[in-house]
C-alpha cells in the first residue's frame, strides 16, 4: 500500500494527527492505518539490542526501555499521560519529527538506529541522521519506519569498552507542569568513564533547536576530561 500510495498519511495512535483535524481543521487526504499490524507492534530482546516495532505503544516501548535502563523510569512516567502512552506509538513519536518530542533525545543518547523500509528493501540509519530540518526527515518516497534498534547497556558504547569502563545514562525534562505536559527542554545524557575520565559522551536535547539533536562540540570538549565538577 505504501508503494501504491507514497504520499498517504501513515496513522498509528493518532494522538498528534487527531489534533490536526480537531484543532487545525486539516484534510489528511489518503490514510494508511497501522494499528492492526501485529508485526509492527512486536518488541524483541536480542543479546545486544532491543528491536522495537514502530507501532509498539509508547507504554510497551518505554516499559521495555526502563527494564534495560532503570534511570529512564521518571521520564517514562512523565511522558504525556497514561491514555496517550497506551494509544500513541514510539515510531510515531519519532517520525513526527517534533523538536519537543520526549522520545528522540533519549534515543539519541542511547545511539539508537532506525530501520527504514521501502517494499522489500530496508536500510538502517542512525537516529542522529534522520532529522534534516524542522518537521523534515530522511524518508524517501514510499519509505516508512519499520522499527527502532536500541543497544542494550553493554553495547551502548560506540567504542570498545574495557574492563574498567562504566556507562552512565541520565534523562531530564523541564515543563510548565510536572505531569502530562510537553517539554520546554528534554535531555538525554550518556557518558562512558574509564578510571575517572570521560572516554565517550552523547548529549542530546529536545526543545533547543529546529530538531532534536546532539551537542557534538560539547561532547568533543568533554572527551578526555576528568569527571569532576
N, C-alpha and C. Protein backbone atom coordinates (compact mmCIF):
# COMPACT_ATOMS: atom_id res chain seq x y z
N UNK A 1 0.82 -1.20 0.00
CA UNK A 1 0.00 0.00 0.00
C UNK A 1 0.86 1.26 0.00
N UNK A 2 1.96 1.21 0.73
CA UNK A 2 2.82 2.40 0.80
C UNK A 2 3.44 2.69 -0.57
N UNK A 3 3.80 1.66 -1.31
CA UNK A 3 4.32 1.86 -2.65
C UNK A 3 3.24 2.40 -3.58
N UNK A 4 2.02 1.93 -3.39
CA UNK A 4 0.91 2.36 -4.23
C UNK A 4 0.48 3.79 -3.91
N UNK A 5 0.59 4.16 -2.61
CA UNK A 5 0.19 5.50 -2.16
C UNK A 5 1.33 6.12 -1.38
N UNK A 6 2.41 6.53 -2.06
CA UNK A 6 3.61 7.02 -1.35
C UNK A 6 3.37 8.30 -0.56
N UNK A 7 2.31 9.04 -0.89
CA UNK A 7 2.04 10.30 -0.19
C UNK A 7 0.96 10.16 0.88
N UNK A 8 0.46 8.94 1.09
CA UNK A 8 -0.60 8.75 2.08
C UNK A 8 -0.07 9.01 3.49
N UNK A 9 -0.94 9.47 4.36
CA UNK A 9 -0.59 9.68 5.76
C UNK A 9 -0.59 8.35 6.48
N UNK A 10 0.52 8.01 7.13
CA UNK A 10 0.58 6.80 7.95
C UNK A 10 0.04 7.15 9.33
N UNK A 11 -0.98 6.42 9.77
CA UNK A 11 -1.66 6.71 11.03
C UNK A 11 -1.55 5.51 11.96
N UNK A 12 -1.05 5.74 13.15
CA UNK A 12 -0.96 4.66 14.14
C UNK A 12 -1.85 5.01 15.33
N UNK A 13 -1.31 5.70 16.34
CA UNK A 13 -2.11 6.03 17.50
C UNK A 13 -3.01 7.24 17.31
N UNK A 14 -2.59 8.18 16.47
CA UNK A 14 -3.39 9.35 16.20
C UNK A 14 -3.40 10.40 17.31
N UNK A 15 -2.48 10.28 18.28
CA UNK A 15 -2.52 11.22 19.41
C UNK A 15 -2.07 12.62 19.00
N UNK A 16 -1.37 12.74 17.89
CA UNK A 16 -0.99 14.06 17.38
C UNK A 16 -1.80 14.39 16.13
N UNK A 17 -1.87 13.45 15.18
CA UNK A 17 -2.58 13.71 13.93
C UNK A 17 -4.05 14.02 14.19
N UNK A 18 -4.63 13.41 15.22
CA UNK A 18 -6.03 13.71 15.55
C UNK A 18 -6.26 15.17 15.84
N UNK A 19 -5.25 15.81 16.46
CA UNK A 19 -5.37 17.23 16.78
C UNK A 19 -5.27 18.11 15.55
N UNK A 20 -4.60 17.61 14.51
CA UNK A 20 -4.55 18.38 13.27
C UNK A 20 -5.97 18.55 12.70
N UNK A 21 -6.80 17.55 12.92
CA UNK A 21 -8.17 17.60 12.42
C UNK A 21 -9.04 18.44 13.34
N UNK A 22 -8.99 18.17 14.65
CA UNK A 22 -9.93 18.83 15.57
C UNK A 22 -9.54 20.26 15.90
N UNK A 23 -8.25 20.58 15.84
CA UNK A 23 -7.79 21.94 16.19
C UNK A 23 -7.43 22.79 14.97
N UNK A 24 -6.85 22.15 13.96
CA UNK A 24 -6.40 22.90 12.79
C UNK A 24 -7.30 22.70 11.57
N UNK A 25 -8.27 21.77 11.69
CA UNK A 25 -9.24 21.51 10.62
C UNK A 25 -8.57 21.10 9.31
N UNK A 26 -7.49 20.33 9.43
CA UNK A 26 -6.77 19.87 8.24
C UNK A 26 -7.48 18.71 7.58
N UNK A 27 -7.35 18.64 6.26
CA UNK A 27 -7.78 17.47 5.50
C UNK A 27 -6.56 16.57 5.37
N UNK A 28 -6.63 15.35 5.91
CA UNK A 28 -5.46 14.47 5.94
C UNK A 28 -5.25 13.71 4.64
N UNK A 29 -6.18 13.77 3.69
CA UNK A 29 -6.00 13.04 2.45
C UNK A 29 -6.07 11.54 2.67
N UNK A 30 -5.36 10.79 1.84
CA UNK A 30 -5.34 9.32 1.97
C UNK A 30 -4.64 8.92 3.27
N UNK A 31 -5.20 7.91 3.94
CA UNK A 31 -4.65 7.44 5.20
C UNK A 31 -4.42 5.93 5.12
N UNK A 32 -3.27 5.49 5.58
CA UNK A 32 -2.98 4.06 5.77
C UNK A 32 -2.88 3.83 7.26
N UNK A 33 -3.80 3.02 7.79
CA UNK A 33 -3.86 2.80 9.24
C UNK A 33 -2.98 1.61 9.62
N UNK A 34 -2.13 1.80 10.63
CA UNK A 34 -1.15 0.79 11.02
C UNK A 34 -1.50 0.09 12.33
N UNK A 35 -2.64 0.44 12.91
CA UNK A 35 -2.93 -0.01 14.27
C UNK A 35 -3.23 -1.48 14.44
N UNK A 36 -3.51 -2.20 13.35
CA UNK A 36 -3.85 -3.61 13.45
C UNK A 36 -2.82 -4.50 12.74
N UNK A 37 -1.56 -4.09 12.77
CA UNK A 37 -0.50 -4.89 12.14
C UNK A 37 0.41 -5.43 13.23
N UNK A 38 0.19 -6.69 13.66
CA UNK A 38 0.97 -7.23 14.79
C UNK A 38 2.47 -7.17 14.57
N UNK A 39 2.93 -7.37 13.33
CA UNK A 39 4.38 -7.39 13.08
C UNK A 39 5.03 -6.06 13.38
N UNK A 40 4.25 -4.96 13.36
CA UNK A 40 4.81 -3.65 13.67
C UNK A 40 4.72 -3.32 15.16
N UNK A 41 4.08 -4.19 15.93
CA UNK A 41 3.87 -3.92 17.35
C UNK A 41 4.77 -4.78 18.24
N UNK A 42 5.58 -5.62 17.64
CA UNK A 42 6.40 -6.53 18.42
C UNK A 42 7.62 -5.81 19.00
N UNK A 43 8.07 -6.30 20.16
CA UNK A 43 9.30 -5.84 20.79
C UNK A 43 10.14 -7.08 21.07
N UNK A 44 11.33 -7.13 20.50
CA UNK A 44 12.20 -8.30 20.65
C UNK A 44 13.48 -7.90 21.36
N UNK A 45 13.90 -8.76 22.29
CA UNK A 45 15.15 -8.53 23.00
C UNK A 45 16.19 -9.52 22.48
N UNK A 46 17.26 -8.99 21.93
CA UNK A 46 18.37 -9.80 21.44
C UNK A 46 19.53 -9.69 22.42
N UNK A 47 20.61 -10.39 22.13
CA UNK A 47 21.75 -10.36 23.05
C UNK A 47 22.35 -8.97 23.18
N UNK A 48 22.30 -8.19 22.11
CA UNK A 48 22.98 -6.90 22.10
C UNK A 48 22.08 -5.69 21.93
N UNK A 49 20.77 -5.92 21.68
CA UNK A 49 19.91 -4.78 21.36
C UNK A 49 18.44 -5.13 21.56
N UNK A 50 17.64 -4.08 21.61
CA UNK A 50 16.19 -4.20 21.55
C UNK A 50 15.73 -3.80 20.16
N UNK A 51 14.80 -4.56 19.60
CA UNK A 51 14.15 -4.19 18.35
C UNK A 51 12.70 -3.85 18.67
N UNK A 52 12.37 -2.58 18.55
CA UNK A 52 11.04 -2.10 18.92
C UNK A 52 10.28 -1.76 17.64
N UNK A 53 9.18 -2.49 17.38
CA UNK A 53 8.37 -2.20 16.22
C UNK A 53 7.83 -0.79 16.26
N UNK A 54 7.76 -0.15 15.10
CA UNK A 54 7.39 1.26 15.06
C UNK A 54 6.00 1.53 15.61
N UNK A 55 5.10 0.54 15.54
CA UNK A 55 3.74 0.73 16.03
C UNK A 55 3.55 0.16 17.44
N UNK A 56 4.63 -0.21 18.12
CA UNK A 56 4.52 -0.59 19.53
C UNK A 56 4.08 0.63 20.31
N UNK A 57 3.20 0.43 21.29
CA UNK A 57 2.70 1.57 22.05
C UNK A 57 3.84 2.21 22.84
N UNK A 58 3.66 3.48 23.14
CA UNK A 58 4.63 4.18 23.98
C UNK A 58 4.78 3.48 25.33
N UNK A 59 3.68 3.01 25.89
CA UNK A 59 3.74 2.34 27.19
C UNK A 59 4.59 1.08 27.12
N UNK A 60 4.35 0.23 26.11
CA UNK A 60 5.11 -1.01 25.98
C UNK A 60 6.58 -0.72 25.69
N UNK A 61 6.82 0.24 24.79
CA UNK A 61 8.20 0.55 24.42
C UNK A 61 8.97 1.12 25.60
N UNK A 62 8.38 2.09 26.30
CA UNK A 62 9.09 2.70 27.43
C UNK A 62 9.29 1.72 28.58
N UNK A 63 8.30 0.88 28.85
CA UNK A 63 8.48 -0.08 29.94
C UNK A 63 9.62 -1.03 29.62
N UNK A 64 9.79 -1.40 28.35
CA UNK A 64 10.90 -2.25 27.96
C UNK A 64 12.23 -1.52 28.08
N UNK A 65 12.25 -0.25 27.69
CA UNK A 65 13.47 0.55 27.83
C UNK A 65 13.86 0.70 29.30
N UNK A 66 12.86 0.88 30.16
CA UNK A 66 13.15 1.05 31.59
C UNK A 66 13.68 -0.25 32.19
N UNK A 67 13.21 -1.39 31.71
CA UNK A 67 13.76 -2.67 32.17
C UNK A 67 15.27 -2.73 31.90
N UNK A 68 15.68 -2.20 30.75
CA UNK A 68 17.10 -2.23 30.39
C UNK A 68 17.87 -1.07 31.02
N UNK A 69 17.21 0.09 31.13
CA UNK A 69 17.85 1.30 31.66
C UNK A 69 16.96 1.88 32.76
N UNK A 70 17.09 1.42 34.00
CA UNK A 70 16.19 1.86 35.08
C UNK A 70 16.18 3.36 35.31
N UNK A 71 17.25 4.07 34.94
CA UNK A 71 17.28 5.52 35.15
C UNK A 71 16.27 6.27 34.28
N UNK A 72 15.63 5.57 33.34
CA UNK A 72 14.64 6.21 32.48
C UNK A 72 13.24 6.17 33.07
N UNK A 73 13.09 5.63 34.27
CA UNK A 73 11.75 5.42 34.83
C UNK A 73 10.99 6.75 34.99
N UNK A 74 11.63 7.77 35.52
CA UNK A 74 10.90 9.02 35.77
C UNK A 74 10.47 9.67 34.47
N UNK A 75 11.33 9.66 33.45
CA UNK A 75 10.96 10.29 32.19
C UNK A 75 9.83 9.52 31.52
N UNK A 76 9.79 8.20 31.73
CA UNK A 76 8.69 7.37 31.21
C UNK A 76 7.38 7.78 31.86
N UNK A 77 7.37 7.91 33.18
CA UNK A 77 6.14 8.23 33.89
C UNK A 77 5.67 9.66 33.61
N UNK A 78 6.57 10.52 33.18
CA UNK A 78 6.22 11.91 32.86
C UNK A 78 5.94 12.11 31.38
N UNK A 79 6.01 11.04 30.60
CA UNK A 79 5.74 11.14 29.16
C UNK A 79 4.22 11.21 28.97
N UNK A 80 3.72 12.39 28.68
CA UNK A 80 2.29 12.60 28.42
C UNK A 80 1.46 12.06 29.59
N UNK A 81 0.42 11.27 29.30
CA UNK A 81 -0.48 10.72 30.31
C UNK A 81 -0.73 9.25 29.97
N UNK A 82 -1.22 8.46 30.91
CA UNK A 82 -1.45 7.03 30.61
C UNK A 82 -2.31 6.78 29.37
N UNK A 83 -3.42 7.50 29.15
CA UNK A 83 -4.18 7.22 27.92
C UNK A 83 -3.37 7.46 26.65
N UNK A 84 -2.57 8.53 26.63
CA UNK A 84 -1.74 8.81 25.46
C UNK A 84 -0.66 7.76 25.30
N UNK A 85 -0.04 7.35 26.41
CA UNK A 85 1.04 6.35 26.32
C UNK A 85 0.52 4.99 25.85
N UNK A 86 -0.71 4.66 26.17
CA UNK A 86 -1.26 3.38 25.73
C UNK A 86 -1.76 3.42 24.29
N UNK A 87 -1.98 4.62 23.76
CA UNK A 87 -2.52 4.76 22.40
C UNK A 87 -1.44 5.14 21.40
N UNK A 88 -0.63 6.13 21.76
CA UNK A 88 0.43 6.59 20.86
C UNK A 88 1.52 5.55 20.70
N UNK A 89 2.36 5.73 19.67
CA UNK A 89 3.42 4.77 19.36
C UNK A 89 4.78 5.44 19.39
N UNK A 90 5.80 4.65 19.69
CA UNK A 90 7.16 5.21 19.70
C UNK A 90 7.58 5.60 18.30
N UNK A 91 7.23 4.78 17.30
CA UNK A 91 7.59 5.13 15.92
C UNK A 91 6.94 6.43 15.48
N UNK A 92 5.68 6.64 15.86
CA UNK A 92 5.02 7.88 15.52
C UNK A 92 5.65 9.07 16.20
N UNK A 93 6.05 8.89 17.45
CA UNK A 93 6.70 9.97 18.20
C UNK A 93 8.00 10.39 17.52
N UNK A 94 8.74 9.43 16.97
CA UNK A 94 10.00 9.75 16.30
C UNK A 94 9.78 10.30 14.89
N UNK A 95 8.92 9.62 14.12
CA UNK A 95 8.72 10.02 12.73
C UNK A 95 8.02 11.37 12.62
N UNK A 96 7.23 11.73 13.62
CA UNK A 96 6.58 13.03 13.65
C UNK A 96 7.59 14.17 13.51
N UNK A 97 8.74 14.02 14.15
CA UNK A 97 9.82 14.99 13.99
C UNK A 97 9.70 16.23 14.84
N UNK A 98 8.78 16.26 15.79
CA UNK A 98 8.66 17.45 16.63
C UNK A 98 9.95 17.67 17.42
N UNK A 99 10.44 18.91 17.48
CA UNK A 99 11.67 19.17 18.24
C UNK A 99 11.47 19.07 19.75
N UNK A 100 10.20 18.97 20.20
CA UNK A 100 9.95 18.86 21.64
C UNK A 100 9.37 17.49 22.00
N UNK A 101 9.48 16.52 21.11
CA UNK A 101 9.09 15.16 21.46
C UNK A 101 10.08 14.58 22.47
N UNK A 102 9.57 13.83 23.44
CA UNK A 102 10.45 13.33 24.50
C UNK A 102 11.19 12.05 24.12
N UNK A 103 10.77 11.39 23.05
CA UNK A 103 11.43 10.14 22.70
C UNK A 103 12.80 10.34 22.07
N UNK A 104 12.90 11.30 21.16
CA UNK A 104 14.13 11.45 20.37
C UNK A 104 15.37 11.76 21.21
N UNK A 105 15.34 12.71 22.16
CA UNK A 105 16.58 12.98 22.92
C UNK A 105 17.10 11.76 23.67
N UNK A 106 16.19 10.98 24.24
CA UNK A 106 16.63 9.80 24.99
C UNK A 106 17.24 8.78 24.05
N UNK A 107 16.59 8.54 22.92
CA UNK A 107 17.10 7.53 21.98
C UNK A 107 18.35 8.01 21.26
N UNK A 108 18.50 9.31 21.09
CA UNK A 108 19.77 9.83 20.56
C UNK A 108 20.92 9.55 21.53
N UNK A 109 20.65 9.75 22.81
CA UNK A 109 21.69 9.47 23.80
C UNK A 109 22.04 7.99 23.85
N UNK A 110 21.06 7.13 23.52
CA UNK A 110 21.29 5.68 23.53
C UNK A 110 21.88 5.18 22.21
N UNK A 111 22.13 6.09 21.27
CA UNK A 111 22.72 5.73 19.98
C UNK A 111 21.80 4.80 19.19
N UNK A 112 20.50 5.07 19.21
CA UNK A 112 19.53 4.23 18.52
C UNK A 112 19.68 4.34 17.01
N UNK A 113 19.28 3.27 16.34
CA UNK A 113 19.26 3.20 14.88
C UNK A 113 17.82 2.99 14.41
N UNK A 114 17.51 3.47 13.22
CA UNK A 114 16.19 3.28 12.63
C UNK A 114 16.29 2.33 11.45
N UNK A 115 15.33 1.41 11.35
CA UNK A 115 15.22 0.53 10.20
C UNK A 115 14.10 1.08 9.32
N UNK A 116 14.46 1.55 8.13
CA UNK A 116 13.52 2.13 7.18
C UNK A 116 13.28 1.12 6.06
N UNK A 117 12.05 1.06 5.59
CA UNK A 117 11.70 0.05 4.59
C UNK A 117 10.94 0.67 3.42
N UNK A 118 11.25 0.17 2.25
CA UNK A 118 10.50 0.52 1.04
C UNK A 118 10.29 -0.76 0.25
N UNK A 119 9.06 -1.23 0.20
CA UNK A 119 8.81 -2.53 -0.43
C UNK A 119 9.59 -3.61 0.31
N UNK A 120 10.35 -4.44 -0.41
CA UNK A 120 11.12 -5.49 0.26
C UNK A 120 12.48 -5.03 0.76
N UNK A 121 12.84 -3.80 0.49
CA UNK A 121 14.20 -3.33 0.79
C UNK A 121 14.22 -2.52 2.09
N UNK A 122 15.25 -2.74 2.90
CA UNK A 122 15.42 -1.99 4.14
C UNK A 122 16.80 -1.34 4.17
N UNK A 123 16.89 -0.28 4.94
CA UNK A 123 18.18 0.34 5.22
C UNK A 123 18.15 0.81 6.67
N UNK A 124 19.32 0.87 7.27
CA UNK A 124 19.43 1.25 8.67
C UNK A 124 20.27 2.50 8.78
N UNK A 125 19.76 3.49 9.51
CA UNK A 125 20.49 4.75 9.68
C UNK A 125 20.47 5.13 11.16
N UNK A 126 21.45 5.89 11.61
CA UNK A 126 21.39 6.40 12.99
C UNK A 126 20.23 7.39 13.13
N UNK A 127 19.59 7.37 14.27
CA UNK A 127 18.55 8.37 14.53
C UNK A 127 19.12 9.77 14.36
N UNK A 128 20.38 9.96 14.68
CA UNK A 128 21.00 11.29 14.58
C UNK A 128 21.07 11.80 13.14
N UNK A 129 20.91 10.90 12.15
CA UNK A 129 20.93 11.32 10.74
C UNK A 129 19.54 11.46 10.16
N UNK A 130 18.52 11.15 10.93
CA UNK A 130 17.16 11.07 10.41
C UNK A 130 16.52 12.45 10.22
N UNK A 131 16.79 13.36 11.14
CA UNK A 131 16.14 14.68 11.09
C UNK A 131 16.98 15.65 10.26
N UNK A 132 16.36 16.20 9.23
CA UNK A 132 17.07 17.10 8.32
C UNK A 132 16.81 18.57 8.65
N UNK A 133 15.58 18.88 9.06
CA UNK A 133 15.21 20.25 9.39
C UNK A 133 13.88 20.17 10.16
N UNK A 134 13.33 21.31 10.48
CA UNK A 134 12.08 21.31 11.25
C UNK A 134 11.00 20.51 10.53
N UNK A 135 10.54 19.43 11.18
CA UNK A 135 9.49 18.54 10.67
C UNK A 135 9.85 17.92 9.31
N UNK A 136 11.14 17.84 9.00
CA UNK A 136 11.58 17.18 7.76
C UNK A 136 12.54 16.05 8.13
N UNK A 137 12.39 14.91 7.44
CA UNK A 137 13.24 13.76 7.75
C UNK A 137 13.78 13.13 6.48
N UNK A 138 14.52 12.04 6.66
CA UNK A 138 15.24 11.40 5.56
C UNK A 138 14.43 10.30 4.88
N UNK A 139 13.14 10.21 5.16
CA UNK A 139 12.32 9.19 4.49
C UNK A 139 12.20 9.51 3.00
N UNK A 140 12.45 8.49 2.18
CA UNK A 140 12.31 8.63 0.74
C UNK A 140 10.87 8.33 0.33
N UNK A 141 10.43 8.73 -0.88
CA UNK A 141 9.06 8.43 -1.31
C UNK A 141 8.78 6.93 -1.23
N UNK A 142 7.69 6.57 -0.61
CA UNK A 142 7.32 5.17 -0.46
C UNK A 142 7.99 4.47 0.69
N UNK A 143 8.85 5.16 1.44
CA UNK A 143 9.58 4.55 2.54
C UNK A 143 8.86 4.83 3.85
N UNK A 144 9.06 3.96 4.82
CA UNK A 144 8.39 4.12 6.12
C UNK A 144 9.28 3.53 7.21
N UNK A 145 8.99 3.92 8.44
CA UNK A 145 9.76 3.46 9.59
C UNK A 145 9.23 2.11 10.04
N UNK A 146 10.10 1.10 10.02
CA UNK A 146 9.68 -0.25 10.41
C UNK A 146 9.96 -0.55 11.88
N UNK A 147 11.15 -0.17 12.37
CA UNK A 147 11.50 -0.49 13.76
C UNK A 147 12.62 0.40 14.24
N UNK A 148 12.83 0.37 15.54
CA UNK A 148 13.90 1.11 16.20
C UNK A 148 14.82 0.11 16.87
N UNK A 149 16.12 0.21 16.63
CA UNK A 149 17.11 -0.67 17.23
C UNK A 149 17.84 0.11 18.33
N UNK A 150 17.74 -0.40 19.56
CA UNK A 150 18.33 0.29 20.70
C UNK A 150 19.39 -0.61 21.33
N UNK A 151 20.65 -0.19 21.39
CA UNK A 151 21.68 -1.02 22.02
C UNK A 151 21.36 -1.26 23.49
N UNK A 152 21.62 -2.47 23.95
CA UNK A 152 21.49 -2.77 25.38
C UNK A 152 22.71 -2.24 26.12
N UNK A 153 22.64 -2.11 27.45
CA UNK A 153 23.69 -1.39 28.20
C UNK A 153 25.12 -1.78 27.87
N UNK A 154 25.43 -3.06 27.75
CA UNK A 154 26.81 -3.46 27.49
C UNK A 154 27.28 -3.02 26.11
N UNK A 155 26.31 -2.77 25.19
CA UNK A 155 26.66 -2.37 23.83
C UNK A 155 26.43 -0.88 23.60
N UNK A 156 26.11 -0.14 24.65
CA UNK A 156 25.77 1.27 24.47
C UNK A 156 26.98 2.12 24.09
N UNK A 157 28.19 1.59 24.28
CA UNK A 157 29.39 2.31 23.86
C UNK A 157 29.52 2.23 22.34
N UNK A 158 30.01 3.30 21.73
CA UNK A 158 30.34 3.22 20.32
C UNK A 158 31.79 2.78 20.13
N UNK A 159 32.59 2.96 21.16
CA UNK A 159 33.95 2.45 21.14
C UNK A 159 34.01 1.06 21.73
N UNK A 160 35.20 0.60 22.03
CA UNK A 160 35.38 -0.70 22.64
C UNK A 160 35.49 -0.55 24.14
N UNK A 161 34.48 -1.02 24.89
CA UNK A 161 34.55 -0.88 26.35
C UNK A 161 35.66 -1.74 26.93
N UNK A 162 36.27 -1.25 27.99
CA UNK A 162 37.31 -2.01 28.68
C UNK A 162 36.76 -2.52 30.00
N UNK A 163 37.57 -3.31 30.67
CA UNK A 163 37.12 -3.88 31.95
C UNK A 163 36.96 -2.82 33.03
N UNK A 164 37.54 -1.63 32.80
CA UNK A 164 37.45 -0.57 33.81
C UNK A 164 36.45 0.52 33.45
N UNK A 165 35.81 0.41 32.27
CA UNK A 165 34.92 1.48 31.84
C UNK A 165 33.51 1.25 32.36
N UNK A 166 32.80 2.35 32.63
CA UNK A 166 31.42 2.29 33.08
C UNK A 166 30.60 3.27 32.27
N UNK A 167 29.36 2.86 31.99
CA UNK A 167 28.47 3.67 31.15
C UNK A 167 27.37 4.25 32.04
N UNK A 168 27.10 5.55 31.88
CA UNK A 168 26.11 6.23 32.72
C UNK A 168 25.09 6.94 31.83
N UNK A 169 23.83 6.83 32.20
CA UNK A 169 22.74 7.45 31.44
C UNK A 169 21.84 8.22 32.39
N UNK A 170 21.47 9.44 31.99
CA UNK A 170 20.52 10.24 32.74
C UNK A 170 19.53 10.88 31.76
N UNK A 171 18.33 11.16 32.26
CA UNK A 171 17.32 11.83 31.44
C UNK A 171 16.62 12.88 32.29
N UNK A 172 16.41 14.05 31.72
CA UNK A 172 15.80 15.16 32.44
C UNK A 172 14.76 15.85 31.56
N UNK A 173 13.69 16.32 32.21
CA UNK A 173 12.63 17.01 31.49
C UNK A 173 12.21 18.23 32.30
N UNK A 174 12.12 19.37 31.61
CA UNK A 174 11.61 20.60 32.22
C UNK A 174 10.34 20.99 31.47
N UNK A 175 9.25 21.19 32.21
CA UNK A 175 7.98 21.56 31.61
C UNK A 175 7.22 22.48 32.56
N UNK A 176 6.21 23.15 32.04
CA UNK A 176 5.44 24.08 32.88
C UNK A 176 4.70 23.34 33.99
N UNK A 177 4.12 22.18 33.65
CA UNK A 177 3.53 21.29 34.65
C UNK A 177 4.43 20.09 34.80
N UNK A 178 4.46 19.50 35.96
CA UNK A 178 5.30 18.31 36.14
C UNK A 178 4.77 17.13 35.34
N UNK A 179 3.45 16.95 35.37
CA UNK A 179 2.85 15.77 34.73
C UNK A 179 2.02 16.18 33.52
N UNK A 180 1.94 15.27 32.55
CA UNK A 180 1.05 15.43 31.39
C UNK A 180 1.25 16.77 30.69
N UNK A 181 2.49 17.06 30.33
CA UNK A 181 2.78 18.32 29.65
C UNK A 181 3.92 18.10 28.66
N UNK A 182 3.91 18.91 27.60
CA UNK A 182 5.03 18.87 26.66
C UNK A 182 6.27 19.47 27.32
N UNK A 183 7.42 19.12 26.80
CA UNK A 183 8.67 19.62 27.36
C UNK A 183 8.95 21.03 26.89
N UNK A 184 9.52 21.84 27.80
CA UNK A 184 10.23 23.04 27.37
C UNK A 184 11.62 22.61 26.90
N UNK A 185 12.26 21.75 27.70
CA UNK A 185 13.55 21.15 27.35
C UNK A 185 13.54 19.72 27.84
N UNK A 186 14.04 18.82 27.00
CA UNK A 186 14.23 17.43 27.41
C UNK A 186 15.66 17.04 27.05
N UNK A 187 16.33 16.33 27.95
CA UNK A 187 17.73 15.98 27.72
C UNK A 187 17.96 14.50 28.00
N UNK A 188 18.66 13.85 27.09
CA UNK A 188 19.18 12.50 27.31
C UNK A 188 20.69 12.58 27.29
N UNK A 189 21.35 12.16 28.36
CA UNK A 189 22.79 12.35 28.52
C UNK A 189 23.44 11.02 28.82
N UNK A 190 24.41 10.63 28.02
CA UNK A 190 25.12 9.38 28.23
C UNK A 190 26.62 9.64 28.18
N UNK A 191 27.34 9.12 29.17
CA UNK A 191 28.80 9.22 29.16
C UNK A 191 29.40 7.88 29.54
N UNK A 192 30.61 7.66 29.07
CA UNK A 192 31.39 6.49 29.47
C UNK A 192 32.64 6.99 30.20
N UNK A 193 32.87 6.44 31.38
CA UNK A 193 34.04 6.80 32.18
C UNK A 193 35.01 5.63 32.23
N UNK A 194 36.28 5.94 32.17
CA UNK A 194 37.33 4.93 32.34
C UNK A 194 38.38 5.53 33.28
N UNK A 195 38.45 4.96 34.48
CA UNK A 195 39.38 5.44 35.50
C UNK A 195 39.19 6.94 35.76
N UNK A 196 37.93 7.34 35.82
CA UNK A 196 37.62 8.72 36.18
C UNK A 196 37.68 9.73 35.07
N UNK A 197 37.95 9.29 33.84
CA UNK A 197 38.00 10.22 32.71
C UNK A 197 36.91 9.85 31.69
N UNK A 198 36.42 10.86 31.00
CA UNK A 198 35.35 10.67 30.03
C UNK A 198 35.97 10.16 28.72
N UNK A 199 35.54 9.00 28.30
CA UNK A 199 36.04 8.44 27.04
C UNK A 199 35.01 8.56 25.92
N UNK A 200 33.76 8.84 26.28
CA UNK A 200 32.70 8.96 25.28
C UNK A 200 31.56 9.77 25.88
N UNK A 201 30.91 10.60 25.06
CA UNK A 201 29.79 11.41 25.53
C UNK A 201 28.78 11.55 24.41
N UNK A 202 27.51 11.37 24.77
CA UNK A 202 26.40 11.65 23.85
C UNK A 202 25.38 12.49 24.62
N UNK A 203 25.29 13.75 24.24
CA UNK A 203 24.42 14.71 24.93
C UNK A 203 23.35 15.15 23.94
N UNK A 204 22.11 14.75 24.18
CA UNK A 204 21.04 15.02 23.22
C UNK A 204 19.96 15.89 23.85
N UNK A 205 19.41 16.78 23.04
CA UNK A 205 18.49 17.79 23.55
C UNK A 205 17.27 17.92 22.66
N UNK A 206 16.11 18.10 23.28
CA UNK A 206 14.91 18.50 22.57
C UNK A 206 14.47 19.86 23.06
N UNK A 207 13.92 20.67 22.17
CA UNK A 207 13.46 22.00 22.55
C UNK A 207 14.52 23.08 22.45
N UNK A 208 15.70 22.74 21.92
CA UNK A 208 16.79 23.72 21.84
C UNK A 208 17.08 24.17 20.40
N UNK A 209 16.45 23.49 19.42
CA UNK A 209 16.74 23.80 18.01
C UNK A 209 15.53 23.35 17.19
N UNK A 210 15.66 23.45 15.87
CA UNK A 210 14.56 23.06 14.99
C UNK A 210 14.29 21.56 15.00
N UNK A 211 15.28 20.78 15.43
CA UNK A 211 15.12 19.34 15.58
C UNK A 211 15.75 18.92 16.90
N UNK A 212 15.36 17.75 17.37
CA UNK A 212 16.11 17.15 18.47
C UNK A 212 17.50 16.83 17.94
N UNK A 213 18.54 17.18 18.71
CA UNK A 213 19.89 16.95 18.19
C UNK A 213 20.89 16.83 19.33
N UNK A 214 22.03 16.24 18.97
CA UNK A 214 23.14 16.13 19.91
C UNK A 214 23.98 17.41 19.88
N UNK A 215 24.83 17.55 20.91
CA UNK A 215 25.71 18.71 21.04
C UNK A 215 27.14 18.27 20.77
N UNK A 216 27.55 18.12 19.51
CA UNK A 216 28.85 17.50 19.20
C UNK A 216 30.05 18.29 19.69
N UNK A 217 29.98 19.62 19.70
CA UNK A 217 31.14 20.39 20.16
C UNK A 217 31.35 20.21 21.66
N UNK A 218 30.26 20.17 22.41
CA UNK A 218 30.37 19.94 23.85
C UNK A 218 30.87 18.52 24.12
N UNK A 219 30.35 17.55 23.37
CA UNK A 219 30.81 16.16 23.52
C UNK A 219 32.32 16.07 23.30
N UNK A 220 32.78 16.71 22.22
CA UNK A 220 34.21 16.65 21.90
C UNK A 220 35.05 17.32 22.98
N UNK A 221 34.52 18.41 23.56
CA UNK A 221 35.27 19.11 24.60
C UNK A 221 35.36 18.29 25.88
N UNK A 222 34.37 17.44 26.11
CA UNK A 222 34.35 16.64 27.34
C UNK A 222 35.26 15.43 27.28
N UNK A 223 35.39 14.83 26.11
CA UNK A 223 36.15 13.59 26.00
C UNK A 223 37.60 13.82 26.40
N UNK A 224 38.10 12.98 27.27
CA UNK A 224 39.45 13.10 27.78
C UNK A 224 39.55 13.85 29.10
N UNK A 225 38.46 14.53 29.47
CA UNK A 225 38.48 15.32 30.71
C UNK A 225 38.18 14.43 31.93
N UNK A 226 38.69 14.84 33.06
CA UNK A 226 38.36 14.15 34.32
C UNK A 226 36.92 14.45 34.68
N UNK A 227 36.22 13.47 35.24
CA UNK A 227 34.80 13.65 35.61
C UNK A 227 34.74 14.31 36.98
N UNK A 228 34.86 15.62 36.98
CA UNK A 228 34.78 16.41 38.22
C UNK A 228 33.84 17.57 38.01
N UNK A 229 33.41 18.17 39.10
CA UNK A 229 32.52 19.32 38.96
C UNK A 229 33.22 20.46 38.22
